[in-house]
Amino acid sequence: MKMVASSKLHKAQQAIENMRPYEMQLAHIMSAFVDGAHDDVSSPFSAQRDVQKVTLIAISSNGSLCGGYNANLIKRVRDTVKEYQARGVEVQVITIGRKVAEAMSKDGFTSDGDHASLLDHPSYEEAAAVVRSQMERFLTGDVDRVEILYHHFKSTSTQLLTREMLLPVEPAKADGNEGKNTAGLDYIIEPSAGDIMSELVPKTLCLKLFTALLDSVASEHAARVVAMQVATDNADELLRDLTLTYNKTRQQAITNELLDIAGGSMQ
């Protein structure tokens, strides 16, 4: 299982590493664009409202044997739900992955559909369909905030549990190198700022969920590689202990037989 997970991890790691720079740069451009680079145009997806209804998109795995990968995510989802409910906020959970879907079902949350196939074969169109439905609800006021909870792949040994805002669109950050490269830039717009805004924002939001899916898939395989390595090490240690116990027992049996033979000859 470790070899299989390693092979899948290699492909998933290539996919997320190829996608992440594009998604990050596009997200920074969108944030800077929406943040007021053009005062005459605004995006309805950047509207800040009092939070009364929240949608959480939680991404787990379909299978097990990956250590605390799913358990940590489910605990984070439950803590986030309790946090909002304590403030009187209505919470809906959209699950992607069988493990988190089963956990949320036990907690009484009903699913709007089976999105487990997104993890087996990540598809931009299917991910975009999920985002577009939330965008429509945001525009009609059925939801005031949408967040994504997933594991961010940093390395084979490190997967960071991440809680990221999807809607409303957050303004560009002015601190850090990435923020300096995008915030406050004077863009040349063709054909018009309104046309760019109507195309850029939805595409970036859809791409953000798709990137989170690729991140989660890579994190799952990395967690499974580590878990299988730990299981192998534990099995090897148990085998050494059992071998030592067997040899001691065998040596004791041989010693007892020799003592019986010696005692018989003396009689």
Protein backbone atom coordinates (compact mmCIF):
# COMPACT_ATOMS: atom_id res chain seq x y z
CA MET A 1 0.00 0.00 0.00
CA LYS A 2 2.91 2.32 0.62
CA MET A 3 4.24 1.72 -2.90
CA VAL A 4 0.82 2.33 -4.45
CA ALA A 5 0.33 5.50 -2.38
CA SER A 6 3.82 6.70 -3.34
CA SER A 7 3.04 6.28 -7.02
CA LYS A 8 -0.26 8.16 -6.69
CA LEU A 9 1.43 10.83 -4.57
CA HIS A 10 3.98 11.53 -7.30
CA LYS A 11 1.23 12.23 -9.85
CA ALA A 12 -0.89 14.24 -7.41
CA GLN A 13 2.12 16.29 -6.31
CA GLN A 14 2.94 17.19 -9.89
CA ALA A 15 -0.67 18.23 -10.50
CA ILE A 16 -0.89 20.55 -7.49
CA GLU A 17 2.58 22.04 -7.99
CA ASN A 18 1.71 22.87 -11.60
CA MET A 19 -1.66 24.37 -10.67
CA ARG A 20 -0.82 26.29 -7.48
CA PRO A 21 1.32 29.16 -8.94
CA TYR A 22 -1.36 29.93 -11.54
CA GLU A 23 -4.18 29.85 -9.00
CA MET A 24 -2.29 31.98 -6.47
CA GLN A 25 -1.35 34.65 -8.99
CA LEU A 26 -4.86 34.77 -10.41
CA ALA A 27 -6.31 35.05 -6.90
CA HIS A 28 -3.99 37.96 -6.07
CA ILE A 29 -4.92 39.76 -9.27
CA MET A 30 -8.61 39.26 -8.57
CA SER A 31 -8.30 40.49 -4.98
CA ALA A 32 -6.38 43.60 -6.02
CA PHE A 33 -8.83 44.25 -8.85
CA VAL A 34 -11.88 43.93 -6.59
CA ASP A 35 -10.25 45.82 -3.74
CA GLY A 36 -10.69 49.18 -5.44
CA ALA A 37 -8.23 49.35 -8.27
CA HIS A 38 -11.25 50.55 -10.27
CA ASP A 39 -13.74 52.46 -8.17
CA ASP A 40 -16.29 52.70 -10.95
CA VAL A 41 -16.80 48.92 -10.97
CA SER A 42 -17.61 46.63 -8.06
CA SER A 43 -18.23 42.92 -7.75
CA PRO A 44 -21.40 41.62 -6.10
CA PHE A 45 -19.28 38.78 -4.72
CA SER A 46 -17.25 41.16 -2.55
CA ALA A 47 -20.27 42.44 -0.62
CA GLN A 48 -19.76 42.27 3.14
CA ARG A 49 -22.93 41.42 5.08
CA ASP A 50 -23.86 40.42 8.61
CA VAL A 51 -23.21 36.71 8.78
CA GLN A 52 -26.46 34.83 9.39
CA LYS A 53 -26.01 31.83 7.09
CA VAL A 54 -22.74 30.03 6.40
CA THR A 55 -21.79 27.18 4.07
CA LEU A 56 -18.76 25.04 4.88
CA ILE A 57 -17.22 22.97 2.08
CA ALA A 58 -15.29 20.17 3.81
CA ILE A 59 -12.89 17.97 1.80
CA SER A 60 -11.78 14.64 3.27
CA SER A 61 -10.86 11.31 1.64
CA ASN A 62 -12.96 8.43 0.39
CA GLY A 63 -10.77 5.76 1.97
CA SER A 64 -9.05 5.19 5.30
CA LEU A 65 -5.59 4.00 6.41
CA CYS A 66 -4.16 7.52 6.21
CA GLY A 67 -3.46 8.22 9.87
CA GLY A 68 -5.23 11.16 11.47
CA TYR A 69 -5.96 12.84 8.13
CA ASN A 70 -9.74 12.43 8.28
CA ALA A 71 -10.09 12.59 12.05
CA ASN A 72 -8.34 15.97 12.23
CA LEU A 73 -10.50 17.41 9.46
CA ILE A 74 -13.76 16.15 10.97
CA LYS A 75 -12.80 17.58 14.36
CA ARG A 76 -12.04 20.95 12.74
CA VAL A 77 -15.37 20.94 10.90
CA ARG A 78 -17.27 20.16 14.09
CA ASP A 79 -15.43 22.88 16.01
CA THR A 80 -16.21 25.39 13.25
CA VAL A 81 -19.88 24.41 13.24
CA LYS A 82 -20.08 24.81 17.02
CA GLU A 83 -18.32 28.18 16.75
CA TYR A 84 -20.94 29.52 14.33
CA GLN A 85 -23.89 27.94 16.11
CA ALA A 86 -22.79 29.55 19.36
CA ARG A 87 -23.17 32.90 17.58
CA GLY A 88 -26.65 31.97 16.33
CA VAL A 89 -25.51 31.43 12.73
CA GLU A 90 -27.20 28.83 10.54
CA VAL A 91 -24.63 26.40 9.10
CA GLN A 92 -24.79 24.13 6.06
CA VAL A 93 -22.02 21.62 5.35
CA ILE A 94 -21.19 20.46 1.83
CA THR A 95 -19.11 17.31 2.05
CA ILE A 96 -16.59 16.13 -0.53
CA GLY A 97 -15.34 12.70 0.54
CA ARG A 98 -17.09 9.71 2.09
CA LYS A 99 -15.41 9.98 5.48
CA VAL A 100 -16.56 13.50 6.28
CA ALA A 101 -19.96 12.76 4.69
CA GLU A 102 -20.49 9.84 7.09
CA ALA A 103 -19.43 11.93 10.08
CA MET A 104 -21.70 14.85 9.16
CA SER A 105 -24.59 12.47 8.51
CA LYS A 106 -24.25 11.19 12.06
CA ASP A 107 -24.35 14.79 13.28
CA GLY A 108 -27.64 15.36 11.50
CA PHE A 109 -26.47 17.27 8.44
CA THR A 110 -28.13 16.33 5.17
CA SER A 111 -26.05 16.23 2.00
CA ASP A 112 -27.01 18.07 -1.17
CA GLY A 113 -25.49 15.28 -3.29
CA ASP A 114 -22.67 12.80 -3.60
CA HIS A 115 -19.44 14.62 -4.41
CA ALA A 116 -17.12 11.71 -3.58
CA SER A 117 -16.27 11.20 -7.26
CA LEU A 118 -14.48 14.56 -7.26
CA LEU A 119 -11.64 12.99 -5.27
CA ASP A 120 -11.27 9.92 -7.48
CA HIS A 121 -11.08 12.01 -10.65
CA PRO A 122 -10.77 15.75 -9.85
CA SER A 123 -12.71 17.68 -12.49
CA TYR A 124 -12.73 21.43 -12.91
CA GLU A 125 -16.26 21.42 -14.34
CA GLU A 126 -17.72 19.47 -11.40
CA ALA A 127 -15.89 21.67 -8.90
CA ALA A 128 -17.08 24.77 -10.75
CA ALA A 129 -20.68 23.53 -10.58
CA VAL A 130 -20.44 23.37 -6.77
CA VAL A 131 -19.00 26.89 -6.61
CA ARG A 132 -21.54 28.35 -9.05
CA SER A 133 -24.41 27.05 -6.95
CA GLN A 134 -22.96 28.85 -3.92
CA MET A 135 -22.38 31.99 -5.95
CA GLU A 136 -26.05 32.03 -6.91
CA ARG A 137 -27.09 31.57 -3.29
CA PHE A 138 -24.73 34.38 -2.26
CA LEU A 139 -26.29 36.74 -4.80
CA THR A 140 -29.82 35.91 -3.66
CA GLY A 141 -28.90 36.27 0.02
CA ASP A 142 -29.41 32.60 0.90
CA VAL A 143 -25.84 32.45 2.22
CA ASP A 144 -23.61 35.20 3.62
CA ARG A 145 -20.29 33.38 3.78
CA VAL A 146 -18.72 30.30 2.18
CA GLU A 147 -15.58 28.68 3.56
CA ILE A 148 -13.43 25.72 2.48
CA LEU A 149 -11.80 23.33 4.96
CA TYR A 150 -9.12 21.08 3.53
CA HIS A 151 -5.53 19.89 3.93
CA HIS A 152 -2.87 21.96 2.22
CA PHE A 153 0.00 19.87 0.84
CA LYS A 154 3.31 21.34 1.98
CA SER A 155 5.53 18.26 1.83
CA THR A 156 5.28 14.49 2.13
CA SER A 157 5.59 14.73 5.91
CA THR A 158 3.58 17.94 6.40
CA GLN A 159 -0.06 18.61 5.52
CA LEU A 160 -1.57 21.77 6.95
CA LEU A 161 -5.24 21.80 7.90
CA THR A 162 -6.53 24.97 6.22
CA ARG A 163 -9.67 27.07 6.62
CA GLU A 164 -10.02 29.43 3.67
CA MET A 165 -12.64 32.01 2.70
CA LEU A 166 -14.33 31.52 -0.66
CA LEU A 167 -17.14 34.10 -0.46
CA PRO A 168 -17.21 37.02 -0.07
CA VAL A 169 -14.04 37.85 -1.99
CA GLU A 170 -11.38 39.08 0.40
CA PRO A 171 -9.38 42.25 -0.40
CA ALA A 172 -5.76 42.00 -1.48
CA LYS A 173 -3.20 41.83 1.31
CA ALA A 174 -0.69 44.64 1.29
CA ASP A 175 1.91 42.85 3.42
CA GLY A 176 4.34 40.23 2.16
CA ASN A 177 6.02 39.87 -1.19
CA GLU A 178 2.95 38.49 -2.91
CA GLY A 179 0.79 41.37 -1.78
CA LYS A 180 3.38 43.91 -2.94
CA ASN A 181 3.39 42.41 -6.39
CA THR A 182 -0.36 42.75 -6.94
CA ALA A 183 -2.03 45.20 -4.54
CA GLY A 184 -2.50 48.72 -5.82
CA LEU A 185 -1.45 48.06 -9.41
CA ASP A 186 -2.87 50.22 -12.21
CA TYR A 187 -4.18 47.73 -14.75
CA ILE A 188 -4.82 48.45 -18.42
CA ILE A 189 -8.29 47.03 -19.06
CA GLU A 190 -9.59 45.62 -22.33
CA PRO A 191 -12.43 45.59 -23.29
CA SER A 192 -13.90 47.07 -20.07
CA ALA A 193 -13.56 46.73 -16.30
CA GLY A 194 -17.09 45.36 -16.01
CA ASP A 195 -16.46 42.61 -18.55
CA ILE A 196 -13.20 41.65 -16.89
CA MET A 197 -14.84 41.59 -13.46
CA SER A 198 -17.74 39.40 -14.60
CA GLU A 199 -15.30 36.84 -16.03
CA LEU A 200 -12.36 37.05 -13.62
CA VAL A 201 -14.12 36.65 -10.29
CA PRO A 202 -16.22 33.53 -11.06
CA LYS A 203 -13.28 31.84 -12.79
CA THR A 204 -10.97 32.51 -9.85
CA LEU A 205 -13.49 31.24 -7.31
CA CYS A 206 -14.07 28.04 -9.27
CA LEU A 207 -10.33 27.55 -9.65
CA LYS A 208 -9.84 28.00 -5.90
CA LEU A 209 -12.04 25.00 -5.08
CA PHE A 210 -10.45 22.91 -7.82
CA THR A 211 -6.98 23.72 -6.42
CA ALA A 212 -8.18 22.79 -2.93
CA LEU A 213 -9.29 19.41 -4.33
CA LEU A 214 -5.87 18.78 -5.85
CA ASP A 215 -4.27 19.89 -2.57
CA SER A 216 -6.43 17.45 -0.61
CA VAL A 217 -5.73 14.53 -2.94
CA ALA A 218 -1.97 15.07 -2.66
CA SER A 219 -2.25 15.45 1.12
CA GLU A 220 -4.26 12.23 1.40
CA HIS A 221 -1.67 10.18 -0.49
CA ALA A 222 1.17 11.77 1.50
CA ALA A 223 -0.60 10.97 4.78
CA ARG A 224 -1.14 7.39 3.61
CA VAL A 225 2.54 7.00 2.69
CA VAL A 226 3.56 8.16 6.17
CA ALA A 227 0.93 5.99 7.87
CA MET A 228 2.01 2.88 5.95
CA GLN A 229 5.66 3.56 6.76
CA VAL A 230 4.80 3.85 10.46
CA ALA A 231 2.78 0.62 10.23
CA THR A 232 5.72 -1.13 8.57
CA ASP A 233 8.12 0.09 11.25
CA ASN A 234 5.74 -1.07 14.00
CA ALA A 235 5.36 -4.47 12.35
CA ASP A 236 9.15 -4.85 12.05
CA GLU A 237 9.58 -3.94 15.71
CA LEU A 238 6.88 -6.44 16.73
CA LEU A 239 8.53 -9.11 14.60
CA ARG A 240 11.88 -8.48 16.30
CA ASP A 241 10.27 -8.75 19.75
CA LEU A 242 8.45 -11.97 18.83
CA THR A 243 11.62 -13.45 17.31
CA LEU A 244 13.56 -12.65 20.49
CA THR A 245 10.82 -14.20 22.64
CA TYR A 246 10.75 -17.30 20.41
CA ASN A 247 14.52 -17.74 20.60
CA LYS A 248 14.52 -17.36 24.39
CA THR A 249 11.69 -19.90 24.73
CA ARG A 250 13.44 -22.31 22.36
CA GLN A 251 16.73 -21.94 24.24
CA GLN A 252 14.97 -22.58 27.54
CA ALA A 253 13.33 -25.70 26.11
CA ILE A 254 16.71 -27.02 24.88
CA THR A 255 18.27 -26.32 28.28
CA ASN A 256 15.47 -28.20 30.06
CA GLU A 257 15.91 -31.19 27.74
CA LEU A 258 19.67 -31.24 28.37
CA LEU A 259 19.07 -31.09 32.11
CA ASP A 260 16.60 -33.99 31.86
CA ILE A 261 19.13 -36.06 29.89
CA ALA A 262 21.91 -35.26 32.34
CA GLY A 263 19.71 -36.07 35.31
CA GLY A 264 18.66 -39.43 33.76
CA SER A 265 22.21 -40.50 33.07
CA MET A 266 23.24 -39.77 36.62
CA GLN A 267 20.48 -42.00 37.93
